[in-house]
Amino acid sequence: MKIRRIAILLGLFTAVAASGFALWRISSTRAGRVLATAPVRKGEFLVIVRCRGELKARNTVQITAPNVPDLRVVWLAPAGSPVKSGDPVVRFDPSSARQQLDENQAALRQAEASVLQSQAEARLMAEQDKRDLAECGIRGGEGQARSFEAGDRQPSSR
């Protein structure tokens, strides 16, 4: 029975020693581990995520370009940049639009000149018509006066 007791005590001692050694080994490994660190600084935080898929915007607004021939883009807002209401998105070369505006203004001036010329011609024709009527009235009145003098007491209605 003494041998049995010694064997049990020896087994317990071995188990306690093995457990203590295992705990010491685990704790020393954790303490000896060096973690990656970096100094903190204030600034833009950029994260690049590479993945495949399809992105959909929360809000979209359709924009259209003016109807100008030979329209050229001079500046375009950076892709993916947020745009607020009133911010420029694209700038076009104004030379072709300015040329079309000049052409349309020239056509407008020509049409206005044509209208003024037509109005002047109409005034001249109206004056000529008045003169012709006045002349006809004088001639018609002379004829009536002569017939009245000749004995015809009622003026004729010609």
C-alpha atoms as a PDB file:
ATOM      1  CA  MET A   1       0.000   0.000   0.000  1.00  0.00           C
ATOM      2  CA  LYS A   2       2.935   2.239   0.524  1.00  0.00           C
ATOM      3  CA  ILE A   3       4.054   1.741  -3.038  1.00  0.00           C
ATOM      4  CA  ARG A   4       0.636   2.446  -4.267  1.00  0.00           C
ATOM      5  CA  ARG A   5       0.518   5.704  -2.288  1.00  0.00           C
ATOM      6  CA  ILE A   6       3.906   6.760  -3.588  1.00  0.00           C
ATOM      7  CA  ALA A   7       2.830   6.008  -7.180  1.00  0.00           C
ATOM      8  CA  ILE A   8      -0.326   8.146  -6.794  1.00  0.00           C
ATOM      9  CA  LEU A   9       1.648  11.004  -5.213  1.00  0.00           C
ATOM     10  CA  LEU A  10       4.272  10.754  -7.917  1.00  0.00           C
ATOM     11  CA  GLY A  11       1.517  10.837 -10.613  1.00  0.00           C
ATOM     12  CA  LEU A  12      -0.131  13.871  -9.025  1.00  0.00           C
ATOM     13  CA  PHE A  13       3.211  15.664  -8.708  1.00  0.00           C
ATOM     14  CA  THR A  14       3.973  14.943 -12.375  1.00  0.00           C
ATOM     15  CA  ALA A  15       0.529  16.236 -13.443  1.00  0.00           C
ATOM     16  CA  VAL A  16       0.927  19.451 -11.407  1.00  0.00           C
ATOM     17  CA  ALA A  17       4.460  19.981 -12.733  1.00  0.00           C
ATOM     18  CA  ALA A  18       3.332  19.435 -16.350  1.00  0.00           C
ATOM     19  CA  SER A  19       0.416  21.868 -15.895  1.00  0.00           C
ATOM     20  CA  GLY A  20       2.678  24.507 -14.367  1.00  0.00           C
ATOM     21  CA  PHE A  21       5.196  24.130 -17.199  1.00  0.00           C
ATOM     22  CA  ALA A  22       2.422  24.454 -19.806  1.00  0.00           C
ATOM     23  CA  LEU A  23       1.045  27.622 -18.170  1.00  0.00           C
ATOM     24  CA  TRP A  24       4.527  29.146 -17.944  1.00  0.00           C
ATOM     25  CA  ARG A  25       5.178  28.367 -21.620  1.00  0.00           C
ATOM     26  CA  ILE A  26       1.866  29.916 -22.811  1.00  0.00           C
ATOM     27  CA  SER A  27       2.306  33.087 -20.744  1.00  0.00           C
ATOM     28  CA  SER A  28       5.891  33.632 -21.859  1.00  0.00           C
ATOM     29  CA  THR A  29       4.931  33.165 -25.512  1.00  0.00           C
ATOM     30  CA  ARG A  30       2.182  35.820 -25.299  1.00  0.00           C
ATOM     31  CA  ALA A  31       4.395  38.324 -23.518  1.00  0.00           C
ATOM     32  CA  GLY A  32       7.205  37.813 -25.994  1.00  0.00           C
ATOM     33  CA  ARG A  33       4.984  38.426 -29.044  1.00  0.00           C
ATOM     34  CA  VAL A  34       5.583  41.802 -30.763  1.00  0.00           C
ATOM     35  CA  LEU A  35       2.494  43.441 -32.281  1.00  0.00           C
ATOM     36  CA  ALA A  36       2.754  45.710 -35.319  1.00  0.00           C
ATOM     37  CA  THR A  37       2.202  49.353 -34.349  1.00  0.00           C
ATOM     38  CA  ALA A  38       2.468  52.696 -36.082  1.00  0.00           C
ATOM     39  CA  PRO A  39       2.424  56.290 -34.867  1.00  0.00           C
ATOM     40  CA  VAL A  40      -0.948  58.064 -35.187  1.00  0.00           C
ATOM     41  CA  ARG A  41      -1.246  61.137 -37.412  1.00  0.00           C
ATOM     42  CA  LYS A  42      -4.163  63.237 -38.611  1.00  0.00           C
ATOM     43  CA  GLY A  43      -4.949  63.168 -42.338  1.00  0.00           C
ATOM     44  CA  GLU A  44      -6.867  61.469 -45.101  1.00  0.00           C
ATOM     45  CA  PHE A  45      -7.535  57.778 -44.550  1.00  0.00           C
ATOM     46  CA  LEU A  46      -7.371  55.904 -47.824  1.00  0.00           C
ATOM     47  CA  VAL A  47      -8.497  52.304 -48.085  1.00  0.00           C
ATOM     48  CA  ILE A  48      -8.396  50.470 -51.385  1.00  0.00           C
ATOM     49  CA  VAL A  49     -10.727  47.509 -51.686  1.00  0.00           C
ATOM     50  CA  ARG A  50     -10.408  45.324 -54.732  1.00  0.00           C
ATOM     51  CA  CYS A  51     -13.487  43.298 -55.511  1.00  0.00           C
ATOM     52  CA  ARG A  52     -15.768  42.418 -58.361  1.00  0.00           C
ATOM     53  CA  GLY A  53     -19.388  43.376 -58.561  1.00  0.00           C
ATOM     54  CA  GLU A  54     -21.760  46.094 -59.619  1.00  0.00           C
ATOM     55  CA  LEU A  55     -22.152  49.471 -57.933  1.00  0.00           C
ATOM     56  CA  LYS A  56     -25.362  51.467 -57.972  1.00  0.00           C
ATOM     57  CA  ALA A  57     -25.617  55.117 -56.967  1.00  0.00           C
ATOM     58  CA  ARG A  58     -28.111  56.188 -54.331  1.00  0.00           C
ATOM     59  CA  ASN A  59     -29.111  59.341 -56.202  1.00  0.00           C
ATOM     60  CA  THR A  60     -28.684  59.965 -59.914  1.00  0.00           C
ATOM     61  CA  VAL A  61     -29.501  63.009 -61.998  1.00  0.00           C
ATOM     62  CA  GLN A  62     -29.516  63.060 -65.786  1.00  0.00           C
ATOM     63  CA  ILE A  63     -27.784  66.029 -67.364  1.00  0.00           C
ATOM     64  CA  THR A  64     -27.907  67.010 -71.027  1.00  0.00           C
ATOM     65  CA  ALA A  65     -25.591  69.069 -73.171  1.00  0.00           C
ATOM     66  CA  PRO A  66     -26.781  72.088 -75.152  1.00  0.00           C
ATOM     67  CA  ASN A  67     -27.738  71.496 -78.767  1.00  0.00           C
ATOM     68  CA  VAL A  68     -24.688  73.077 -80.366  1.00  0.00           C
ATOM     69  CA  PRO A  69     -22.821  71.564 -83.337  1.00  0.00           C
ATOM     70  CA  ASP A  70     -19.154  70.621 -82.825  1.00  0.00           C
ATOM     71  CA  LEU A  71     -19.425  70.772 -79.027  1.00  0.00           C
ATOM     72  CA  ARG A  72     -16.058  70.178 -77.306  1.00  0.00           C
ATOM     73  CA  VAL A  73     -15.497  69.370 -73.629  1.00  0.00           C
ATOM     74  CA  VAL A  74     -12.844  71.583 -72.010  1.00  0.00           C
ATOM     75  CA  TRP A  75     -13.108  70.412 -68.383  1.00  0.00           C
ATOM     76  CA  LEU A  76     -14.849  67.492 -66.662  1.00  0.00           C
ATOM     77  CA  ALA A  77     -15.361  66.963 -62.916  1.00  0.00           C
ATOM     78  CA  PRO A  78     -13.271  64.081 -61.514  1.00  0.00           C
ATOM     79  CA  ALA A  79     -15.024  60.723 -61.646  1.00  0.00           C
ATOM     80  CA  GLY A  80     -16.610  59.686 -58.379  1.00  0.00           C
ATOM     81  CA  SER A  81     -16.332  63.128 -56.799  1.00  0.00           C
ATOM     82  CA  PRO A  82     -19.416  64.342 -54.920  1.00  0.00           C
ATOM     83  CA  VAL A  83     -21.265  67.171 -56.664  1.00  0.00           C
ATOM     84  CA  LYS A  84     -23.640  69.583 -54.970  1.00  0.00           C
ATOM     85  CA  SER A  85     -26.400  71.563 -56.601  1.00  0.00           C
ATOM     86  CA  GLY A  86     -24.927  74.437 -58.594  1.00  0.00           C
ATOM     87  CA  ASP A  87     -21.422  72.930 -58.852  1.00  0.00           C
ATOM     88  CA  PRO A  88     -20.046  72.697 -62.405  1.00  0.00           C
ATOM     89  CA  VAL A  89     -19.835  69.168 -63.777  1.00  0.00           C
ATOM     90  CA  VAL A  90     -18.578  69.906 -67.272  1.00  0.00           C
ATOM     91  CA  ARG A  91     -17.334  72.961 -69.175  1.00  0.00           C
ATOM     92  CA  PHE A  92     -17.610  73.242 -72.939  1.00  0.00           C
ATOM     93  CA  ASP A  93     -15.542  75.215 -75.436  1.00  0.00           C
ATOM     94  CA  PRO A  94     -17.602  78.400 -75.934  1.00  0.00           C
ATOM     95  CA  SER A  95     -16.255  79.241 -79.411  1.00  0.00           C
ATOM     96  CA  SER A  96     -18.764  77.149 -81.416  1.00  0.00           C
ATOM     97  CA  ALA A  97     -21.679  78.352 -79.283  1.00  0.00           C
ATOM     98  CA  ARG A  98     -20.512  81.953 -79.640  1.00  0.00           C
ATOM     99  CA  GLN A  99     -20.265  81.503 -83.421  1.00  0.00           C
ATOM    100  CA  GLN A 100     -23.804  80.114 -83.595  1.00  0.00           C
ATOM    101  CA  LEU A 101     -25.057  82.994 -81.420  1.00  0.00           C
ATOM    102  CA  ASP A 102     -23.387  85.537 -83.735  1.00  0.00           C
ATOM    103  CA  GLU A 103     -24.970  83.866 -86.782  1.00  0.00           C
ATOM    104  CA  ASN A 104     -28.423  83.885 -85.160  1.00  0.00           C
ATOM    105  CA  GLN A 105     -28.059  87.542 -84.133  1.00  0.00           C
ATOM    106  CA  ALA A 106     -27.060  88.464 -87.701  1.00  0.00           C
ATOM    107  CA  ALA A 107     -30.136  86.633 -89.035  1.00  0.00           C
ATOM    108  CA  LEU A 108     -32.295  88.481 -86.497  1.00  0.00           C
ATOM    109  CA  ARG A 109     -30.889  91.871 -87.552  1.00  0.00           C
ATOM    110  CA  GLN A 110     -31.514  90.990 -91.192  1.00  0.00           C
ATOM    111  CA  ALA A 111     -35.125  89.983 -90.434  1.00  0.00           C
ATOM    112  CA  GLU A 112     -35.692  93.207 -88.445  1.00  0.00           C
ATOM    113  CA  ALA A 113     -34.295  95.260 -91.350  1.00  0.00           C
ATOM    114  CA  SER A 114     -36.625  93.425 -93.739  1.00  0.00           C
ATOM    115  CA  VAL A 115     -39.602  94.210 -91.475  1.00  0.00           C
ATOM    116  CA  LEU A 116     -38.626  97.895 -91.290  1.00  0.00           C
ATOM    117  CA  GLN A 117     -38.262  98.035 -95.079  1.00  0.00           C
ATOM    118  CA  SER A 118     -41.690  96.433 -95.553  1.00  0.00           C
ATOM    119  CA  GLN A 119     -43.247  98.906 -93.113  1.00  0.00           C
ATOM    120  CA  ALA A 120     -41.635 101.849 -94.949  1.00  0.00           C
ATOM    121  CA  GLU A 121     -42.913 100.539 -98.290  1.00  0.00           C
ATOM    122  CA  ALA A 122     -46.402 100.133 -96.785  1.00  0.00           C
ATOM    123  CA  ARG A 123     -46.310 103.758 -95.535  1.00  0.00           C
ATOM    124  CA  LEU A 124     -45.241 104.977 -98.973  1.00  0.00           C
ATOM    125  CA  MET A 125     -48.028 102.992-100.617  1.00  0.00           C
ATOM    126  CA  ALA A 126     -50.569 104.380 -98.131  1.00  0.00           C
ATOM    127  CA  GLU A 127     -49.403 107.947 -98.843  1.00  0.00           C
ATOM    128  CA  GLN A 128     -49.629 107.283-102.588  1.00  0.00           C
ATOM    129  CA  ASP A 129     -53.122 105.859-102.142  1.00  0.00           C
ATOM    130  CA  LYS A 130     -54.182 108.963-100.172  1.00  0.00           C
ATOM    131  CA  ARG A 131     -52.822 111.221-102.904  1.00  0.00           C
ATOM    132  CA  ASP A 132     -54.578 109.165-105.570  1.00  0.00           C
ATOM    133  CA  LEU A 133     -57.871 109.351-103.633  1.00  0.00           C
ATOM    134  CA  ALA A 134     -57.500 113.056-103.100  1.00  0.00           C
ATOM    135  CA  GLU A 135     -56.779 113.555-106.787  1.00  0.00           C
ATOM    136  CA  CYS A 136     -59.775 111.446-107.756  1.00  0.00           C
ATOM    137  CA  GLY A 137     -61.938 113.421-105.325  1.00  0.00           C
ATOM    138  CA  ILE A 138     -60.848 116.727-106.812  1.00  0.00           C
ATOM    139  CA  ARG A 139     -61.438 115.520-110.350  1.00  0.00           C
ATOM    140  CA  GLY A 140     -64.777 113.989-109.397  1.00  0.00           C
ATOM    141  CA  GLY A 141     -65.770 117.177-107.573  1.00  0.00           C
ATOM    142  CA  GLU A 142     -64.933 119.319-110.634  1.00  0.00           C
ATOM    143  CA  GLY A 143     -67.086 117.109-112.774  1.00  0.00           C
ATOM    144  CA  GLN A 144     -69.967 117.431-110.329  1.00  0.00           C
ATOM    145  CA  ALA A 145     -69.526 121.190-110.108  1.00  0.00           C
ATOM    146  CA  ARG A 146     -69.597 121.538-113.895  1.00  0.00           C
ATOM    147  CA  SER A 147     -72.751 119.432-114.220  1.00  0.00           C
ATOM    148  CA  PHE A 148     -74.345 121.485-111.389  1.00  0.00           C
ATOM    149  CA  GLU A 149     -73.519 124.696-113.210  1.00  0.00           C
ATOM    150  CA  ALA A 150     -74.877 123.294-116.444  1.00  0.00           C
ATOM    151  CA  GLY A 151     -78.325 123.104-114.962  1.00  0.00           C
ATOM    152  CA  ASP A 152     -78.315 119.805-113.169  1.00  0.00           C
ATOM    153  CA  ARG A 153     -79.458 120.806-109.716  1.00  0.00           C
ATOM    154  CA  GLN A 154     -78.780 117.422-108.042  1.00  0.00           C
ATOM    155  CA  PRO A 155     -75.112 116.445-107.751  1.00  0.00           C
ATOM    156  CA  SER A 156     -74.521 113.099-109.290  1.00  0.00           C
ATOM    157  CA  SER A 157     -73.376 110.233-107.149  1.00  0.00           C
ATOM    158  CA  ARG A 158     -70.614 108.695-109.119  1.00  0.00           C
END
